[in-house]
């Protein structure tokens, strides 16, 4: 199994993002309260990771990162993602030949 970094993203009192990385679930559990175990994630590599009080996750974040977010960060990121303009795709039409 590859070594994964666990990243916790929260928002500080003045609105800036606070990011803290942990090298193992044991380190993470020294600062956060576990309320369950993820046993139904569609990403099978995340099953068995802790579910933490007050955080949303685990969320896959690349091949070597797992992310947990505060509800405020999760909501803001989701809004940004949904409002981002997607490039329009042009449909190619076959030219009509007589």
Protein backbone atom coordinates (compact mmCIF):
# COMPACT_ATOMS: atom_id res chain seq x y z
CA UNK A 1 0.00 0.00 0.00
CA UNK A 2 1.31 3.45 -0.93
CA UNK A 3 1.89 6.05 1.74
CA UNK A 4 -0.90 8.62 1.71
CA UNK A 5 -1.05 12.08 3.17
CA UNK A 6 -4.27 13.05 4.92
CA UNK A 7 -5.12 16.71 4.40
CA UNK A 8 -7.61 18.62 6.58
CA UNK A 9 -8.87 21.92 5.17
CA UNK A 10 -10.76 24.37 7.38
CA UNK A 11 -11.43 28.11 7.35
CA UNK A 12 -9.79 30.42 9.88
CA UNK A 13 -11.52 33.18 11.82
CA UNK A 14 -10.51 35.80 9.23
CA UNK A 15 -11.67 33.65 6.30
CA UNK A 16 -8.36 32.24 5.07
CA UNK A 17 -8.02 28.54 4.32
CA UNK A 18 -6.09 26.52 6.89
CA UNK A 19 -4.49 23.32 5.60
CA UNK A 20 -2.93 20.73 7.85
CA UNK A 21 -1.33 17.51 6.62
CA UNK A 22 -1.04 14.26 8.56
CA UNK A 23 1.12 11.28 7.64
CA UNK A 24 -1.13 8.66 9.23
CA UNK A 25 -4.67 8.17 10.54
CA UNK A 26 -3.23 7.80 14.05
CA UNK A 27 -1.82 11.34 13.94
CA UNK A 28 -5.16 12.62 12.65
CA UNK A 29 -7.05 10.94 15.50
CA UNK A 30 -4.91 12.74 18.08
CA UNK A 31 -6.65 16.00 17.06
CA UNK A 32 -10.06 14.90 15.76
CA UNK A 33 -12.81 12.68 17.18
CA UNK A 34 -13.67 9.58 15.18
CA UNK A 35 -17.41 8.86 15.00
CA UNK A 36 -17.35 5.99 12.54
CA UNK A 37 -15.62 4.18 9.72
CA UNK A 38 -16.22 4.76 6.02
CA UNK A 39 -17.60 1.48 4.75
CA UNK A 40 -19.57 2.53 1.67
CA UNK A 41 -17.30 4.83 -0.34
CA UNK A 42 -17.35 4.20 -4.07
CA UNK A 43 -13.57 4.62 -4.07
CA UNK A 44 -12.59 1.29 -2.53
CA UNK A 45 -9.20 2.59 -1.40
CA UNK A 46 -10.97 4.94 1.06
CA UNK A 47 -13.03 2.28 2.77
CA UNK A 48 -11.96 1.74 6.35
CA UNK A 49 -10.77 5.31 6.87
CA UNK A 50 -12.23 7.20 9.84
CA UNK A 51 -15.30 9.41 9.68
CA UNK A 52 -14.66 12.46 11.87
CA UNK A 53 -16.97 14.71 13.86
CA UNK A 54 -17.36 18.11 12.18
CA UNK A 55 -15.55 17.19 8.97
CA UNK A 56 -16.73 15.94 5.59
CA UNK A 57 -14.69 13.12 4.16
CA UNK A 58 -12.72 11.12 3.35
CA UNK A 59 -12.55 12.59 -0.17
CA UNK A 60 -10.04 11.34 -2.77
CA UNK A 61 -7.61 14.09 -3.73
CA UNK A 62 -5.15 12.58 -6.16
CA UNK A 63 -3.20 9.35 -5.93
CA UNK A 64 -1.40 10.11 -2.64
CA UNK A 65 -3.83 12.42 -0.83
CA UNK A 66 -7.05 11.98 1.11
CA UNK A 67 -8.94 15.13 2.06
CA UNK A 68 -11.31 16.08 4.87
CA UNK A 69 -13.05 19.47 4.81
CA UNK A 70 -15.07 21.55 7.22
CA UNK A 71 -18.69 22.02 6.10
CA UNK A 72 -18.01 25.69 5.24
CA UNK A 73 -15.07 24.82 2.98
CA UNK A 74 -17.00 21.97 1.36
CA UNK A 75 -19.99 24.23 0.62
CA UNK A 76 -17.83 27.03 -0.82
CA UNK A 77 -15.82 24.63 -2.99
CA UNK A 78 -19.00 23.00 -4.26
CA UNK A 79 -20.49 26.39 -5.18
CA UNK A 80 -17.31 27.42 -7.00
CA UNK A 81 -17.26 24.13 -8.89
CA UNK A 82 -20.92 24.39 -9.90
CA UNK A 83 -20.60 28.00 -11.09
CA UNK A 84 -17.41 27.47 -13.09
CA UNK A 85 -18.00 27.99 -16.78
CA UNK A 86 -17.46 24.86 -18.76
CA UNK A 87 -16.01 25.33 -22.22
CA UNK A 88 -18.70 24.85 -24.82
CA UNK A 89 -18.22 21.96 -27.13
CA UNK A 90 -18.99 22.44 -30.74
CA UNK A 91 -20.85 19.75 -32.52
CA UNK A 92 -19.38 18.81 -35.80
CA UNK A 93 -21.94 18.51 -38.47
CA UNK A 94 -21.43 16.59 -41.63
CA UNK A 95 -21.59 18.84 -44.59
CA UNK A 96 -24.56 18.16 -46.80
CA UNK A 97 -23.46 16.81 -50.11
CA UNK A 98 -25.81 16.86 -53.07
